[in-house]
Protein backbone atom coordinates (compact mmCIF):
# COMPACT_ATOMS: atom_id res chain seq x y z
CA MET A 1 -115.13 -233.94 154.62
CA ILE A 2 -114.54 -231.10 152.18
CA PRO A 3 -111.58 -231.66 149.74
CA LEU A 4 -109.28 -229.05 148.41
CA ARG A 5 -110.31 -227.55 145.10
CA ASN A 6 -108.72 -229.28 142.05
CA SER A 7 -106.90 -231.73 144.29
CA HIS A 8 -106.19 -235.08 142.78
CA ARG A 9 -104.20 -237.40 145.00
CA ASN A 10 -104.93 -239.78 147.95
CA HIS A 11 -102.88 -239.52 151.05
CA PRO A 12 -103.94 -241.04 154.36
CA SER A 13 -101.89 -239.11 156.92
CA VAL A 14 -101.16 -238.17 160.41
CA PHE A 15 -100.55 -234.45 160.51
CA ALA A 16 -100.17 -231.51 162.82
CA PHE A 17 -101.21 -228.22 161.25
CA PRO A 18 -99.20 -225.37 162.91
CA GLY A 19 -101.43 -223.20 165.08
CA SER A 20 -104.66 -224.90 164.13
CA GLY A 21 -105.36 -226.80 167.33
CA TYR A 22 -106.10 -229.92 165.34
CA GLN A 23 -103.29 -232.32 165.75
CA SER A 24 -102.44 -235.97 165.29
CA LEU A 25 -105.60 -236.75 163.40
CA ARG A 26 -105.58 -239.84 161.23
CA LEU A 27 -107.81 -239.33 158.22
CA GLU A 28 -108.52 -241.96 155.62
CA PRO A 29 -108.93 -240.40 152.14
CA ILE A 30 -112.66 -240.48 151.35
CA GLN A 31 -112.20 -237.97 148.57
CA PRO A 32 -108.93 -237.00 146.76
CA VAL A 33 -106.60 -234.57 148.50
CA ARG A 34 -103.03 -233.76 147.59
CA THR A 35 -100.99 -233.90 150.74
CA ALA A 36 -101.12 -233.79 154.49
CA LEU A 37 -101.45 -230.04 154.25
CA GLY A 38 -104.35 -230.60 151.98
CA ILE A 39 -106.06 -232.80 154.49
CA ALA A 40 -105.52 -230.19 157.17
CA LEU A 41 -107.00 -227.50 155.02
CA ALA A 42 -109.93 -229.67 154.10
CA VAL A 43 -110.67 -230.33 157.81
CA LEU A 44 -110.36 -226.66 158.71
CA ALA A 45 -112.62 -225.68 155.78
CA GLY A 46 -115.23 -228.13 156.90
CA LEU A 47 -115.08 -227.07 160.54
CA GLY A 48 -115.16 -223.43 159.50
CA CYS A 49 -118.15 -223.80 157.19
CA ALA A 50 -119.96 -225.81 159.79
CA GLY A 51 -119.45 -223.58 162.86
CA GLY A 52 -117.13 -220.68 161.99
CA SER A 53 -118.18 -217.09 162.21
CA PHE A 54 -117.25 -214.14 160.03
CA THR A 55 -117.85 -210.44 160.57
CA PRO A 56 -118.49 -208.57 157.33
CA LEU A 57 -116.46 -205.38 157.32
CA SER A 58 -117.60 -202.42 155.17
CA PRO A 59 -116.43 -198.80 155.31
CA SER A 60 -118.52 -196.02 156.74
CA PRO A 61 -119.26 -193.00 154.55
CA ARG A 62 -116.33 -191.07 156.14
CA VAL A 63 -113.95 -193.95 155.62
CA ALA A 64 -115.11 -194.23 152.05
CA ARG A 65 -114.41 -190.53 151.69
CA ALA A 66 -110.90 -191.13 153.00
CA ASP A 67 -110.43 -193.83 150.49
CA SER A 68 -111.46 -191.39 147.75
CA LEU A 69 -108.94 -188.76 149.04
CA ALA A 70 -106.08 -191.41 149.16
CA SER A 71 -106.94 -192.58 145.61
CA ALA A 72 -106.67 -188.97 144.43
CA GLY A 73 -103.27 -188.73 146.03
CA ASP A 74 -104.16 -186.60 149.03
CA THR A 75 -102.90 -189.02 151.68
CA ALA A 76 -102.39 -186.29 154.23
CA ALA A 77 -106.09 -185.31 154.10
CA ALA A 78 -107.11 -188.98 154.07
CA LEU A 79 -105.01 -189.65 157.24
CA ALA A 80 -106.45 -186.51 158.93
CA LEU A 81 -109.94 -187.73 158.21
CA LEU A 82 -109.23 -191.23 159.46
CA ASP A 83 -107.68 -189.73 162.62
CA SER A 84 -110.99 -187.92 163.22
CA VAL A 85 -112.94 -191.12 162.62
CA VAL A 86 -111.04 -193.28 165.07
CA ARG A 87 -111.14 -190.54 167.71
CA GLY A 88 -114.96 -190.46 167.41
CA ASP A 89 -115.37 -194.25 166.99
CA PRO A 90 -112.40 -196.10 168.49
CA GLN A 91 -114.03 -199.43 167.74
CA ASN A 92 -114.03 -198.87 163.99
CA ALA A 93 -111.73 -201.61 162.76
CA VAL A 94 -112.03 -200.52 159.12
CA ALA A 95 -110.92 -197.07 159.91
CA TRP A 96 -107.90 -198.29 161.96
CA HIS A 97 -106.91 -200.65 159.14
CA ARG A 98 -107.06 -197.97 156.41
CA ARG A 99 -105.16 -195.55 158.73
CA GLY A 100 -102.41 -198.16 159.26
CA MET A 101 -102.17 -199.10 155.60
CA LEU A 102 -101.97 -195.47 154.45
CA ALA A 103 -99.32 -194.62 157.05
CA TRP A 104 -97.30 -197.70 156.10
CA ALA A 105 -97.49 -196.80 152.42
CA LYS A 106 -96.19 -193.33 153.05
CA VAL A 107 -93.18 -194.44 155.05
CA ARG A 108 -92.15 -197.50 152.97
CA PRO A 109 -89.95 -195.57 150.56
CA PHE A 110 -87.79 -194.48 153.52
CA LYS A 111 -87.34 -198.02 154.96
CA ARG A 112 -83.64 -198.24 154.31
CA LEU A 113 -83.04 -194.85 155.98
CA LEU A 114 -84.18 -196.00 159.41
CA ILE A 115 -81.13 -194.65 161.26
CA GLY A 116 -81.53 -191.19 159.86
CA MET A 117 -85.29 -191.27 159.46
CA SER A 118 -87.07 -188.02 160.17
CA GLN A 119 -89.37 -187.66 163.20
CA ALA A 120 -92.32 -187.36 160.89
CA ASN A 121 -91.56 -190.75 159.35
CA ILE A 122 -90.95 -192.29 162.76
CA ASP A 123 -94.40 -191.09 163.77
CA LEU A 124 -95.85 -192.68 160.61
CA LEU A 125 -94.28 -195.96 161.54
CA ARG A 126 -95.83 -195.77 164.95
CA THR A 127 -99.17 -194.89 163.44
CA ALA A 128 -98.97 -197.84 161.10
CA ASP A 129 -97.89 -200.25 163.87
CA THR A 130 -100.58 -199.16 166.32
CA SER A 131 -103.32 -198.96 163.75
CA LEU A 132 -102.75 -202.33 162.17
CA ARG A 133 -102.55 -204.06 165.55
CA LEU A 134 -105.77 -202.44 166.72
CA ALA A 135 -107.57 -203.34 163.51
CA ARG A 136 -106.50 -206.94 163.98
CA ARG A 137 -107.64 -206.95 167.59
CA LEU A 138 -111.01 -205.41 166.84
CA ALA A 139 -111.72 -207.81 163.98
CA PRO A 140 -109.99 -211.08 164.93
CA ASP A 141 -111.83 -213.00 162.24
CA SER A 142 -110.61 -210.78 159.34
CA ALA A 143 -108.22 -212.76 157.11
CA ARG A 144 -107.23 -209.54 155.37
CA TYR A 145 -106.21 -207.74 158.55
CA ALA A 146 -104.16 -210.70 159.68
CA LEU A 147 -102.42 -210.86 156.33
CA ASP A 148 -101.60 -207.16 156.30
CA LEU A 149 -100.31 -207.27 159.93
CA GLY A 150 -98.05 -210.20 159.09
CA ARG A 151 -96.70 -208.42 156.01
CA TYR A 152 -96.06 -205.35 158.09
CA PHE A 153 -94.12 -207.47 160.61
CA LEU A 154 -91.95 -208.81 157.82
CA TYR A 155 -91.39 -205.30 156.59
CA ALA A 156 -90.22 -204.11 159.94
CA ASP A 157 -86.87 -205.97 159.66
CA LEU A 158 -86.89 -206.58 163.44
CA VAL A 159 -86.36 -210.21 164.45
CA THR A 160 -88.92 -210.02 167.23
CA LEU A 161 -91.58 -208.78 164.82
CA ARG A 162 -90.61 -211.02 161.88
CA LEU A 163 -90.96 -214.09 164.07
CA GLN A 164 -94.64 -213.16 164.65
CA ALA A 165 -95.51 -212.99 160.93
CA PRO A 166 -96.07 -216.75 160.36
CA ARG A 167 -98.60 -216.84 163.16
CA GLN A 168 -100.57 -214.03 161.55
CA PHE A 169 -100.59 -215.87 158.24
CA SER A 170 -101.83 -219.05 159.91
CA HIS A 171 -104.67 -217.04 161.53
CA ALA A 172 -105.45 -215.53 158.15
CA LEU A 173 -105.67 -218.95 156.53
CA LYS A 174 -108.09 -220.18 159.16
CA SER A 175 -110.25 -217.05 158.88
CA ALA A 176 -110.29 -217.25 155.13
CA LEU A 177 -111.34 -220.84 155.21
CA ARG A 178 -114.17 -220.06 157.61
CA ALA A 179 -115.36 -217.23 155.38
CA GLY A 180 -115.01 -219.36 152.26
CA ASP A 181 -112.90 -216.73 150.53
CA SER A 182 -110.82 -218.60 147.98
CA SER A 183 -108.75 -215.62 147.00
CA LEU A 184 -107.69 -214.96 150.64
CA VAL A 185 -107.03 -218.60 151.27
CA ALA A 186 -104.62 -218.54 148.33
CA GLU A 187 -102.98 -215.34 149.66
CA ALA A 188 -102.48 -216.86 153.07
CA LEU A 189 -101.09 -220.10 151.64
CA ASP A 190 -98.70 -218.19 149.41
CA GLU A 191 -97.43 -216.21 152.36
CA LEU A 192 -97.02 -219.41 154.40
CA GLY A 193 -95.18 -220.89 151.42
CA MET A 194 -92.72 -217.97 151.44
CA VAL A 195 -92.12 -218.46 155.12
CA HIS A 196 -90.98 -222.03 154.28
CA TRP A 197 -89.00 -220.73 151.29
CA ARG A 198 -87.05 -218.24 153.35
CA ARG A 199 -86.19 -221.07 155.76
CA TYR A 200 -85.14 -223.23 152.81
CA GLU A 201 -82.88 -220.50 151.45
CA VAL A 202 -80.95 -220.42 154.72
CA PHE A 203 -80.03 -224.14 154.42
CA ALA A 204 -80.08 -224.74 150.62
CA ASP A 205 -76.82 -226.17 149.19
CA ARG A 206 -75.08 -226.04 152.49
CA ARG A 207 -72.18 -228.45 153.05
CA LEU A 208 -70.48 -229.66 156.22
CA LEU A 209 -66.70 -228.92 156.49
CA ARG A 210 -64.56 -231.88 157.28
CA GLU A 211 -61.50 -229.90 158.31
CA LEU A 212 -59.82 -226.62 157.66
CA PRO A 213 -56.94 -227.27 155.28
CA PHE A 214 -54.11 -224.97 154.22
CA ILE A 215 -55.40 -222.95 151.22
CA ASN A 216 -53.26 -221.51 148.50
CA LEU A 217 -55.34 -218.47 147.52
CA GLU A 218 -53.35 -217.81 144.38
CA GLU A 219 -54.09 -221.21 143.02
CA LEU A 220 -57.79 -220.82 143.80
CA VAL A 221 -58.31 -217.52 142.13
CA THR A 222 -56.66 -218.62 138.88
CA ASP A 223 -59.02 -221.52 138.23
CA GLU A 224 -62.59 -221.99 139.61
CA ARG A 225 -62.08 -225.76 139.19
CA ASN A 226 -59.71 -225.56 142.17
CA VAL A 227 -62.45 -224.11 144.28
CA ARG A 228 -64.86 -226.89 143.26
CA LYS A 229 -62.24 -229.50 144.02
CA LEU A 230 -61.57 -227.99 147.42
CA LEU A 231 -65.29 -228.05 148.28
CA ALA A 232 -65.59 -231.59 147.03
CA ASP A 233 -62.52 -232.83 148.96
CA GLN A 234 -63.03 -230.97 152.24
CA SER A 235 -66.77 -230.92 152.71
CA ILE A 236 -69.77 -233.35 152.91
CA ALA A 237 -73.11 -232.90 151.34
CA PRO A 238 -75.68 -234.18 153.89
CA LYS A 239 -78.22 -236.72 152.72
CA PRO A 240 -81.02 -235.74 152.38
CA PRO A 241 -79.72 -232.22 151.54
CA LEU A 242 -80.31 -229.52 154.07
CA GLY A 243 -83.54 -227.71 153.46
CA THR A 244 -85.31 -230.64 151.90
CA ARG A 245 -88.30 -230.48 154.23
CA GLU A 246 -88.60 -226.67 154.00
CA TYR A 247 -88.51 -226.86 150.16
CA ALA A 248 -91.25 -229.50 150.12
CA ASP A 249 -93.44 -227.43 152.53
CA ALA A 250 -93.01 -224.33 150.41
CA LEU A 251 -93.81 -226.12 147.18
CA SER A 252 -96.92 -227.73 148.80
CA SER A 253 -98.24 -224.38 150.00
CA PHE A 254 -97.77 -222.79 146.53
CA GLU A 255 -99.60 -225.80 144.97
CA HIS A 256 -102.47 -225.51 147.36
CA ALA A 257 -102.73 -221.76 146.88
CA LEU A 258 -103.24 -222.40 143.11
CA ASP A 259 -105.77 -225.11 143.92
CA TRP A 260 -107.84 -222.45 145.59
CA ASP A 261 -107.15 -219.70 143.14
CA PRO A 262 -105.60 -220.89 139.88
CA GLY A 263 -105.30 -217.23 138.70
CA HIS A 264 -103.29 -216.05 141.66
CA MET A 265 -100.28 -214.48 139.98
CA ARG A 266 -98.03 -214.19 142.99
CA ALA A 267 -98.48 -217.85 143.95
CA MET A 268 -97.94 -218.79 140.29
CA ARG A 269 -94.61 -216.89 140.23
CA HIS A 270 -93.47 -218.58 143.46
CA MET A 271 -94.48 -221.97 142.07
CA TYR A 272 -92.32 -221.36 138.98
CA MET A 273 -89.50 -220.18 141.25
CA ALA A 274 -89.64 -223.37 143.29
CA LEU A 275 -89.82 -225.59 140.26
CA ALA A 276 -86.96 -223.76 138.53
CA GLU A 277 -84.83 -224.24 141.68
CA LYS A 278 -84.77 -227.98 141.14
CA GLY A 279 -85.04 -227.89 137.29
CA ASN A 280 -88.51 -229.48 137.41
CA TRP A 281 -90.09 -227.52 134.53
């Protein structure tokens, strides 16, 4: 059994890790782990190191040239070169991924203008969508490609796509564990933490209405204490509060992300956000 890095608590547990295929396993704590999620991660890490596979991905000279062009600000030339690469080598996952990320980067500033988006930007969105999906399909064991596809799904603001993002992040986590890449493990855990956090925000501080009373709006607007009294009198705060589980899952994911990569700034910011939410500084 391989424990989480920097973990420090014992938790025998029955757990079901979403999308992992390893469910209802009772594990006694031989070495310290933090939570049930920690146990699941430790098991997956052990299984991945024992029998997992990982395909190293490195850019060809032409893809590297496209990277140089993009870094110099000539994204049009970089995309044209990548188009040529994938036409000649349609199995080149690295080229498809670079093509998708470049197209996505070009169109992101116009996200809020979707209704009046130009045909050129619509074509860029299609390029990004197709390319990132193909890269993921051609390199199914790449944690990076799964992460980027999941983030693209979140960016799309379409419910049907956003619902697919958590699955991509779960795939990314398993792939990163198999590859032993602590930085990518932390990234995937941070993204999964944010999935739980968004669900938490939907339910946080929600109250159940007892009945709909007559409301004197003039009295309410003159003193905010009247609003608080109305809420207290006519609503019920569920116990435990709504969103409790989602909050705990989010916090656990951020903690584990920092276990794997203590210097991961995004996970650190999200951890502070979660602690501040409850005043647990």
